[in-house]
């Protein structure tokens, strides 16, 4: 791997993870790991350009249909693709179809950039993740295989102990906190061949006393009311949190970094 490579452009594809939820900015927009990564790369390369086509809630079919061809046409140095995890969380999921669509995406994107970056997405500890873990691991095995065949890099967030810590996840239990996004940006930065700014990003935070039973039950009830029940409702009605939303940063333009 080249040490401290110079890249002039980045395009990020995916869903809410790449859009940056729940790294909320004061103006109500989301920042996230891809913005943080772009800011670091821009600091090294004058005129650096960045696009982020991610939209929350997107399934792998939608990423292929709405983002892949657009990204491939941009001719960026680096493309990141993270997708398919939303599919694995659906009650009915055809993993063969998911693998096929991911393969289609990689086959289009790999020749269209200098470096394609794939990820094994992080997973929070808990019963929901445990239920869908076999599907997730099947998805990540496909990611590893595609990376080997097409010369892509793989960022292993799934195997990082720090990112399985519930404290790295927002109250919705689906999206990383700002600290979680910072660590993902560091992981991608290092995978691209840059010198570490945080060599211990994968190390768990110091242990603390867990909250008491009453506090946990109150948090569970709030989570169910504010996040779980609306999520189930969208699944039952075929709606998505990203319906009608445009890409976060649809054009490959000069980037000065998040505020």
C-alpha atoms as a PDB file:
ATOM      1  CA  UNK A   1       0.000   0.000   0.000  1.00  0.00           C
ATOM      2  CA  UNK A   2       1.254   3.490  -0.871  1.00  0.00           C
ATOM      3  CA  UNK A   3       2.158   5.564   2.198  1.00  0.00           C
ATOM      4  CA  UNK A   4       0.427   8.962   2.514  1.00  0.00           C
ATOM      5  CA  UNK A   5      -0.989   8.891  -1.025  1.00  0.00           C
ATOM      6  CA  UNK A   6      -2.342  12.016  -2.686  1.00  0.00           C
ATOM      7  CA  UNK A   7      -5.935  11.857  -3.849  1.00  0.00           C
ATOM      8  CA  UNK A   8      -7.668  14.731  -5.575  1.00  0.00           C
ATOM      9  CA  UNK A   9     -11.299  13.621  -5.208  1.00  0.00           C
ATOM     10  CA  UNK A  10     -13.682  11.415  -3.217  1.00  0.00           C
ATOM     11  CA  UNK A  11     -17.182  10.143  -3.910  1.00  0.00           C
ATOM     12  CA  UNK A  12     -19.133   8.387  -1.144  1.00  0.00           C
ATOM     13  CA  UNK A  13     -22.109   6.101  -1.836  1.00  0.00           C
ATOM     14  CA  UNK A  14     -24.562   4.499   0.548  1.00  0.00           C
ATOM     15  CA  UNK A  15     -27.294   5.041   3.104  1.00  0.00           C
ATOM     16  CA  UNK A  16     -27.654   6.782   6.485  1.00  0.00           C
ATOM     17  CA  UNK A  17     -24.278   5.490   7.676  1.00  0.00           C
ATOM     18  CA  UNK A  18     -22.484   7.407   4.917  1.00  0.00           C
ATOM     19  CA  UNK A  19     -24.898  10.351   5.024  1.00  0.00           C
ATOM     20  CA  UNK A  20     -23.678  10.905   8.577  1.00  0.00           C
ATOM     21  CA  UNK A  21     -26.605  10.224  10.883  1.00  0.00           C
ATOM     22  CA  UNK A  22     -26.483  10.898  13.891  1.00  0.00           C
ATOM     23  CA  UNK A  23     -23.531  13.317  13.789  1.00  0.00           C
ATOM     24  CA  UNK A  24     -25.813  16.344  14.024  1.00  0.00           C
ATOM     25  CA  UNK A  25     -24.509  19.839  13.270  1.00  0.00           C
ATOM     26  CA  UNK A  26     -25.878  23.062  14.835  1.00  0.00           C
ATOM     27  CA  UNK A  27     -27.727  23.925  11.609  1.00  0.00           C
ATOM     28  CA  UNK A  28     -29.621  20.610  11.696  1.00  0.00           C
ATOM     29  CA  UNK A  29     -27.604  18.880   8.969  1.00  0.00           C
ATOM     30  CA  UNK A  30     -25.492  15.769   9.430  1.00  0.00           C
ATOM     31  CA  UNK A  31     -21.716  15.630   9.174  1.00  0.00           C
ATOM     32  CA  UNK A  32     -20.423  12.051   9.554  1.00  0.00           C
ATOM     33  CA  UNK A  33     -17.303  10.078   8.774  1.00  0.00           C
ATOM     34  CA  UNK A  34     -17.269  10.780   5.027  1.00  0.00           C
ATOM     35  CA  UNK A  35     -17.263  14.555   5.573  1.00  0.00           C
ATOM     36  CA  UNK A  36     -14.515  14.204   8.179  1.00  0.00           C
ATOM     37  CA  UNK A  37     -12.459  12.068   5.811  1.00  0.00           C
ATOM     38  CA  UNK A  38     -12.965  14.534   2.967  1.00  0.00           C
ATOM     39  CA  UNK A  39     -11.814  17.384   5.221  1.00  0.00           C
ATOM     40  CA  UNK A  40      -8.563  15.566   5.993  1.00  0.00           C
ATOM     41  CA  UNK A  41      -7.939  14.785   2.353  1.00  0.00           C
ATOM     42  CA  UNK A  42      -8.741  18.373   1.331  1.00  0.00           C
ATOM     43  CA  UNK A  43      -6.220  19.693   3.851  1.00  0.00           C
ATOM     44  CA  UNK A  44      -3.486  17.780   1.983  1.00  0.00           C
ATOM     45  CA  UNK A  45      -4.547  18.524  -1.591  1.00  0.00           C
ATOM     46  CA  UNK A  46      -5.464  21.993  -2.925  1.00  0.00           C
ATOM     47  CA  UNK A  47      -8.581  21.893  -5.067  1.00  0.00           C
ATOM     48  CA  UNK A  48      -9.768  18.611  -3.553  1.00  0.00           C
ATOM     49  CA  UNK A  49     -13.289  17.713  -4.665  1.00  0.00           C
ATOM     50  CA  UNK A  50     -15.935  15.721  -2.812  1.00  0.00           C
ATOM     51  CA  UNK A  51     -19.390  14.308  -3.526  1.00  0.00           C
ATOM     52  CA  UNK A  52     -21.643  12.358  -1.179  1.00  0.00           C
ATOM     53  CA  UNK A  53     -24.545  10.602  -2.881  1.00  0.00           C
ATOM     54  CA  UNK A  54     -25.756   8.786   0.249  1.00  0.00           C
ATOM     55  CA  UNK A  55     -29.391   8.972   1.326  1.00  0.00           C
ATOM     56  CA  UNK A  56     -30.762   7.479   4.523  1.00  0.00           C
ATOM     57  CA  UNK A  57     -32.831   4.303   4.264  1.00  0.00           C
ATOM     58  CA  UNK A  58     -31.577   3.219   0.850  1.00  0.00           C
ATOM     59  CA  UNK A  59     -31.493  -0.470  -0.018  1.00  0.00           C
ATOM     60  CA  UNK A  60     -28.799  -1.949  -2.241  1.00  0.00           C
ATOM     61  CA  UNK A  61     -31.126  -1.946  -5.286  1.00  0.00           C
ATOM     62  CA  UNK A  62     -31.709   1.785  -4.830  1.00  0.00           C
ATOM     63  CA  UNK A  63     -27.997   2.448  -4.398  1.00  0.00           C
ATOM     64  CA  UNK A  64     -27.304   0.608  -7.647  1.00  0.00           C
ATOM     65  CA  UNK A  65     -30.133   2.344  -9.504  1.00  0.00           C
ATOM     66  CA  UNK A  66     -29.630   5.887  -8.181  1.00  0.00           C
ATOM     67  CA  UNK A  67     -25.982   6.254  -7.179  1.00  0.00           C
ATOM     68  CA  UNK A  68     -23.613   3.818  -8.893  1.00  0.00           C
ATOM     69  CA  UNK A  69     -23.743   5.086 -12.478  1.00  0.00           C
ATOM     70  CA  UNK A  70     -23.632   8.702 -11.297  1.00  0.00           C
ATOM     71  CA  UNK A  71     -20.544   7.986  -9.196  1.00  0.00           C
ATOM     72  CA  UNK A  72     -18.812   6.014 -11.922  1.00  0.00           C
ATOM     73  CA  UNK A  73     -19.230   8.914 -14.353  1.00  0.00           C
ATOM     74  CA  UNK A  74     -17.526  11.357 -11.974  1.00  0.00           C
ATOM     75  CA  UNK A  75     -14.086   9.798 -12.437  1.00  0.00           C
ATOM     76  CA  UNK A  76     -13.035  10.307  -8.815  1.00  0.00           C
ATOM     77  CA  UNK A  77      -9.748   9.076  -7.383  1.00  0.00           C
ATOM     78  CA  UNK A  78     -11.456   7.342  -4.450  1.00  0.00           C
ATOM     79  CA  UNK A  79     -14.955   5.880  -4.232  1.00  0.00           C
ATOM     80  CA  UNK A  80     -16.399   4.452  -1.019  1.00  0.00           C
ATOM     81  CA  UNK A  81     -19.326   2.051  -1.187  1.00  0.00           C
ATOM     82  CA  UNK A  82     -21.235   0.874   1.874  1.00  0.00           C
ATOM     83  CA  UNK A  83     -24.569  -0.793   1.208  1.00  0.00           C
ATOM     84  CA  UNK A  84     -26.692  -3.842   1.790  1.00  0.00           C
ATOM     85  CA  UNK A  85     -26.967  -3.652   5.559  1.00  0.00           C
ATOM     86  CA  UNK A  86     -30.463  -2.161   5.422  1.00  0.00           C
ATOM     87  CA  UNK A  87     -31.484  -5.160   3.340  1.00  0.00           C
ATOM     88  CA  UNK A  88     -30.209  -7.618   5.958  1.00  0.00           C
ATOM     89  CA  UNK A  89     -32.439  -5.999   8.589  1.00  0.00           C
ATOM     90  CA  UNK A  90     -35.610  -6.617   6.595  1.00  0.00           C
ATOM     91  CA  UNK A  91     -37.725  -9.600   7.776  1.00  0.00           C
ATOM     92  CA  UNK A  92     -37.683 -10.980   4.233  1.00  0.00           C
ATOM     93  CA  UNK A  93     -34.291 -10.652   2.592  1.00  0.00           C
ATOM     94  CA  UNK A  94     -33.022 -12.504  -0.466  1.00  0.00           C
ATOM     95  CA  UNK A  95     -29.301 -12.614   0.262  1.00  0.00           C
ATOM     96  CA  UNK A  96     -28.537 -14.052  -3.169  1.00  0.00           C
ATOM     97  CA  UNK A  97     -30.108 -10.959  -4.728  1.00  0.00           C
ATOM     98  CA  UNK A  98     -28.222  -8.670  -2.341  1.00  0.00           C
ATOM     99  CA  UNK A  99     -24.920 -10.327  -3.247  1.00  0.00           C
ATOM    100  CA  UNK A 100     -25.711 -10.017  -6.944  1.00  0.00           C
ATOM    101  CA  UNK A 101     -26.507  -6.313  -6.701  1.00  0.00           C
ATOM    102  CA  UNK A 102     -23.405  -5.618  -4.644  1.00  0.00           C
ATOM    103  CA  UNK A 103     -21.353  -7.456  -7.248  1.00  0.00           C
ATOM    104  CA  UNK A 104     -22.926  -5.357 -10.007  1.00  0.00           C
ATOM    105  CA  UNK A 105     -22.038  -2.178  -8.119  1.00  0.00           C
ATOM    106  CA  UNK A 106     -18.425  -3.180  -7.540  1.00  0.00           C
ATOM    107  CA  UNK A 107     -17.944  -4.285 -11.150  1.00  0.00           C
ATOM    108  CA  UNK A 108     -19.029  -0.819 -12.327  1.00  0.00           C
ATOM    109  CA  UNK A 109     -17.203   1.229  -9.713  1.00  0.00           C
ATOM    110  CA  UNK A 110     -13.814  -0.504  -9.499  1.00  0.00           C
ATOM    111  CA  UNK A 111     -12.731   0.386 -13.070  1.00  0.00           C
ATOM    112  CA  UNK A 112     -14.069   3.937 -12.674  1.00  0.00           C
ATOM    113  CA  UNK A 113     -11.693   5.109  -9.927  1.00  0.00           C
ATOM    114  CA  UNK A 114      -8.107   4.793  -8.736  1.00  0.00           C
ATOM    115  CA  UNK A 115      -9.187   3.144  -5.473  1.00  0.00           C
ATOM    116  CA  UNK A 116     -12.479   1.584  -4.444  1.00  0.00           C
ATOM    117  CA  UNK A 117     -13.067   1.264  -0.698  1.00  0.00           C
ATOM    118  CA  UNK A 118     -15.562  -1.211   0.755  1.00  0.00           C
ATOM    119  CA  UNK A 119     -16.479  -1.794   4.401  1.00  0.00           C
ATOM    120  CA  UNK A 120     -17.519  -4.417   6.866  1.00  0.00           C
ATOM    121  CA  UNK A 121     -20.021  -2.216   8.696  1.00  0.00           C
ATOM    122  CA  UNK A 122     -19.933  -1.823  12.488  1.00  0.00           C
ATOM    123  CA  UNK A 123     -22.458  -3.657  14.633  1.00  0.00           C
ATOM    124  CA  UNK A 124     -23.791  -2.608  18.018  1.00  0.00           C
ATOM    125  CA  UNK A 125     -24.078  -5.202  20.760  1.00  0.00           C
ATOM    126  CA  UNK A 126     -27.669  -6.236  21.373  1.00  0.00           C
ATOM    127  CA  UNK A 127     -30.451  -8.718  20.559  1.00  0.00           C
ATOM    128  CA  UNK A 128     -31.475  -7.096  17.253  1.00  0.00           C
ATOM    129  CA  UNK A 129     -27.984  -7.365  15.814  1.00  0.00           C
ATOM    130  CA  UNK A 130     -27.624 -10.889  17.167  1.00  0.00           C
ATOM    131  CA  UNK A 131     -30.771 -11.939  15.307  1.00  0.00           C
ATOM    132  CA  UNK A 132     -29.509 -10.678  11.953  1.00  0.00           C
ATOM    133  CA  UNK A 133     -25.826 -11.444  12.470  1.00  0.00           C
ATOM    134  CA  UNK A 134     -25.724 -14.473  10.075  1.00  0.00           C
ATOM    135  CA  UNK A 135     -27.008 -12.290   7.216  1.00  0.00           C
ATOM    136  CA  UNK A 136     -24.559  -9.526   8.076  1.00  0.00           C
ATOM    137  CA  UNK A 137     -21.642 -11.935   8.062  1.00  0.00           C
ATOM    138  CA  UNK A 138     -22.788 -13.376   4.721  1.00  0.00           C
ATOM    139  CA  UNK A 139     -22.804  -9.819   3.348  1.00  0.00           C
ATOM    140  CA  UNK A 140     -19.306  -9.166   4.690  1.00  0.00           C
ATOM    141  CA  UNK A 141     -17.984 -12.409   3.208  1.00  0.00           C
ATOM    142  CA  UNK A 142     -19.232 -11.159  -0.154  1.00  0.00           C
ATOM    143  CA  UNK A 143     -17.494  -7.817   0.455  1.00  0.00           C
ATOM    144  CA  UNK A 144     -14.207  -9.593   1.174  1.00  0.00           C
ATOM    145  CA  UNK A 145     -14.502 -11.733  -1.945  1.00  0.00           C
ATOM    146  CA  UNK A 146     -15.310  -8.770  -4.194  1.00  0.00           C
ATOM    147  CA  UNK A 147     -12.415  -6.780  -2.767  1.00  0.00           C
ATOM    148  CA  UNK A 148     -10.004  -9.603  -3.537  1.00  0.00           C
ATOM    149  CA  UNK A 149     -11.272  -9.950  -7.098  1.00  0.00           C
ATOM    150  CA  UNK A 150     -11.387  -6.241  -7.932  1.00  0.00           C
ATOM    151  CA  UNK A 151      -8.484  -4.764  -5.983  1.00  0.00           C
ATOM    152  CA  UNK A 152     -10.656  -2.864  -3.508  1.00  0.00           C
ATOM    153  CA  UNK A 153      -9.664  -2.011   0.047  1.00  0.00           C
ATOM    154  CA  UNK A 154     -11.791  -3.269   2.940  1.00  0.00           C
ATOM    155  CA  UNK A 155     -12.196  -1.311   6.183  1.00  0.00           C
ATOM    156  CA  UNK A 156     -13.055  -3.828   8.912  1.00  0.00           C
ATOM    157  CA  UNK A 157     -15.337  -1.913  11.257  1.00  0.00           C
ATOM    158  CA  UNK A 158     -17.257  -5.048  12.184  1.00  0.00           C
ATOM    159  CA  UNK A 159     -14.161  -6.470  13.855  1.00  0.00           C
ATOM    160  CA  UNK A 160     -13.355  -3.278  15.793  1.00  0.00           C
ATOM    161  CA  UNK A 161     -14.114  -3.721  19.527  1.00  0.00           C
ATOM    162  CA  UNK A 162     -14.564   0.025  20.025  1.00  0.00           C
ATOM    163  CA  UNK A 163     -17.484   0.260  17.596  1.00  0.00           C
ATOM    164  CA  UNK A 164     -19.496  -2.550  19.179  1.00  0.00           C
ATOM    165  CA  UNK A 165     -19.692  -0.540  22.420  1.00  0.00           C
ATOM    166  CA  UNK A 166     -23.289   0.747  22.946  1.00  0.00           C
ATOM    167  CA  UNK A 167     -21.807   4.108  24.004  1.00  0.00           C
ATOM    168  CA  UNK A 168     -20.680   4.619  20.396  1.00  0.00           C
ATOM    169  CA  UNK A 169     -24.293   4.501  19.214  1.00  0.00           C
ATOM    170  CA  UNK A 170     -26.985   7.158  19.291  1.00  0.00           C
ATOM    171  CA  UNK A 171     -30.252   6.776  21.195  1.00  0.00           C
ATOM    172  CA  UNK A 172     -31.884   5.303  18.083  1.00  0.00           C
ATOM    173  CA  UNK A 173     -29.425   2.361  18.379  1.00  0.00           C
ATOM    174  CA  UNK A 174     -28.960   2.371  14.604  1.00  0.00           C
ATOM    175  CA  UNK A 175     -26.514   5.219  13.993  1.00  0.00           C
ATOM    176  CA  UNK A 176     -23.117   6.123  15.362  1.00  0.00           C
ATOM    177  CA  UNK A 177     -22.431   9.055  17.671  1.00  0.00           C
ATOM    178  CA  UNK A 178     -20.033  11.821  16.574  1.00  0.00           C
ATOM    179  CA  UNK A 179     -17.220   9.926  18.308  1.00  0.00           C
ATOM    180  CA  UNK A 180     -18.140   6.798  16.385  1.00  0.00           C
ATOM    181  CA  UNK A 181     -18.046   8.684  13.089  1.00  0.00           C
ATOM    182  CA  UNK A 182     -14.670  10.167  14.017  1.00  0.00           C
ATOM    183  CA  UNK A 183     -13.269   6.684  14.549  1.00  0.00           C
ATOM    184  CA  UNK A 184     -14.661   5.448  11.235  1.00  0.00           C
ATOM    185  CA  UNK A 185     -13.024   8.379   9.431  1.00  0.00           C
ATOM    186  CA  UNK A 186      -9.741   7.455  11.104  1.00  0.00           C
ATOM    187  CA  UNK A 187     -10.127   3.815  10.058  1.00  0.00           C
ATOM    188  CA  UNK A 188     -10.695   4.735   6.405  1.00  0.00           C
ATOM    189  CA  UNK A 189      -7.852   7.262   6.527  1.00  0.00           C
ATOM    190  CA  UNK A 190      -5.421   4.598   7.707  1.00  0.00           C
ATOM    191  CA  UNK A 191      -6.732   1.996   5.254  1.00  0.00           C
ATOM    192  CA  UNK A 192      -5.993   4.420   2.413  1.00  0.00           C
ATOM    193  CA  UNK A 193      -2.358   4.435   3.529  1.00  0.00           C
ATOM    194  CA  UNK A 194      -2.117   7.624   5.593  1.00  0.00           C
ATOM    195  CA  UNK A 195      -0.167   7.928   8.817  1.00  0.00           C
ATOM    196  CA  UNK A 196      -2.428   7.484  11.859  1.00  0.00           C
ATOM    197  CA  UNK A 197      -3.786  10.471  13.692  1.00  0.00           C
ATOM    198  CA  UNK A 198      -5.321   8.085  16.232  1.00  0.00           C
ATOM    199  CA  UNK A 199      -3.534   4.741  16.250  1.00  0.00           C
ATOM    200  CA  UNK A 200      -5.955   3.447  18.911  1.00  0.00           C
ATOM    201  CA  UNK A 201      -9.254   4.150  17.134  1.00  0.00           C
ATOM    202  CA  UNK A 202     -10.195   0.476  17.449  1.00  0.00           C
ATOM    203  CA  UNK A 203      -9.496   0.348  21.194  1.00  0.00           C
ATOM    204  CA  UNK A 204     -12.635   0.397  23.383  1.00  0.00           C
ATOM    205  CA  UNK A 205     -13.346   3.321  25.663  1.00  0.00           C
ATOM    206  CA  UNK A 206     -12.557   2.810  29.357  1.00  0.00           C
ATOM    207  CA  UNK A 207     -15.176   0.749  31.158  1.00  0.00           C
ATOM    208  CA  UNK A 208     -17.804   2.549  33.235  1.00  0.00           C
ATOM    209  CA  UNK A 209     -20.495   1.335  35.592  1.00  0.00           C
ATOM    210  CA  UNK A 210     -23.563   0.291  33.578  1.00  0.00           C
ATOM    211  CA  UNK A 211     -26.786   2.258  34.180  1.00  0.00           C
ATOM    212  CA  UNK A 212     -29.213   0.853  36.714  1.00  0.00           C
ATOM    213  CA  UNK A 213     -32.255  -1.280  35.908  1.00  0.00           C
ATOM    214  CA  UNK A 214     -34.739   1.601  36.101  1.00  0.00           C
ATOM    215  CA  UNK A 215     -32.622   3.831  33.869  1.00  0.00           C
ATOM    216  CA  UNK A 216     -32.294   1.032  31.294  1.00  0.00           C
ATOM    217  CA  UNK A 217     -36.055   0.368  31.277  1.00  0.00           C
ATOM    218  CA  UNK A 218     -36.857   4.061  30.820  1.00  0.00           C
ATOM    219  CA  UNK A 219     -34.349   4.233  27.947  1.00  0.00           C
ATOM    220  CA  UNK A 220     -35.853   1.093  26.377  1.00  0.00           C
ATOM    221  CA  UNK A 221     -39.360   2.552  26.538  1.00  0.00           C
ATOM    222  CA  UNK A 222     -38.216   5.847  25.007  1.00  0.00           C
ATOM    223  CA  UNK A 223     -36.337   3.991  22.265  1.00  0.00           C
ATOM    224  CA  UNK A 224     -39.383   1.875  21.425  1.00  0.00           C
ATOM    225  CA  UNK A 225     -41.715   4.875  21.299  1.00  0.00           C
ATOM    226  CA  UNK A 226     -39.478   7.297  19.408  1.00  0.00           C
ATOM    227  CA  UNK A 227     -37.516   4.994  17.115  1.00  0.00           C
ATOM    228  CA  UNK A 228     -38.513   1.318  17.039  1.00  0.00           C
ATOM    229  CA  UNK A 229     -42.260   1.704  16.444  1.00  0.00           C
ATOM    230  CA  UNK A 230     -41.830   4.304  13.646  1.00  0.00           C
ATOM    231  CA  UNK A 231     -39.191   2.051  12.061  1.00  0.00           C
ATOM    232  CA  UNK A 232     -41.579  -0.926  12.140  1.00  0.00           C
ATOM    233  CA  UNK A 233     -44.338   1.251  10.721  1.00  0.00           C
ATOM    234  CA  UNK A 234     -42.191   2.222   7.755  1.00  0.00           C
ATOM    235  CA  UNK A 235     -41.316  -1.422   7.132  1.00  0.00           C
ATOM    236  CA  UNK A 236     -44.982  -2.467   7.174  1.00  0.00           C
ATOM    237  CA  UNK A 237     -46.053   0.298   4.790  1.00  0.00           C
ATOM    238  CA  UNK A 238     -43.084   0.087   2.430  1.00  0.00           C
ATOM    239  CA  UNK A 239     -41.901   3.609   3.260  1.00  0.00           C
ATOM    240  CA  UNK A 240     -38.336   4.764   3.908  1.00  0.00           C
ATOM    241  CA  UNK A 241     -36.870   7.562   6.013  1.00  0.00           C
ATOM    242  CA  UNK A 242     -35.136   8.753   2.857  1.00  0.00           C
ATOM    243  CA  UNK A 243     -38.201   8.989   0.623  1.00  0.00           C
ATOM    244  CA  UNK A 244     -38.076  12.248  -1.323  1.00  0.00           C
ATOM    245  CA  UNK A 245     -34.695  13.332   0.033  1.00  0.00           C
ATOM    246  CA  UNK A 246     -31.951  14.383  -2.407  1.00  0.00           C
ATOM    247  CA  UNK A 247     -28.344  13.168  -2.139  1.00  0.00           C
ATOM    248  CA  UNK A 248     -26.338  14.903   0.545  1.00  0.00           C
ATOM    249  CA  UNK A 249     -23.760  16.418  -1.832  1.00  0.00           C
ATOM    250  CA  UNK A 250     -24.741  15.447  -5.385  1.00  0.00           C
ATOM    251  CA  UNK A 251     -21.926  17.145  -7.331  1.00  0.00           C
ATOM    252  CA  UNK A 252     -18.173  16.596  -7.248  1.00  0.00           C
ATOM    253  CA  UNK A 253     -17.137  20.074  -6.084  1.00  0.00           C
ATOM    254  CA  UNK A 254     -14.238  21.645  -4.163  1.00  0.00           C
ATOM    255  CA  UNK A 255     -14.511  20.966  -0.449  1.00  0.00           C
ATOM    256  CA  UNK A 256     -13.200  23.058   2.419  1.00  0.00           C
ATOM    257  CA  UNK A 257     -14.382  20.797   5.231  1.00  0.00           C
ATOM    258  CA  UNK A 258     -17.292  20.609   7.647  1.00  0.00           C
ATOM    259  CA  UNK A 259     -18.010  23.598   9.813  1.00  0.00           C
END
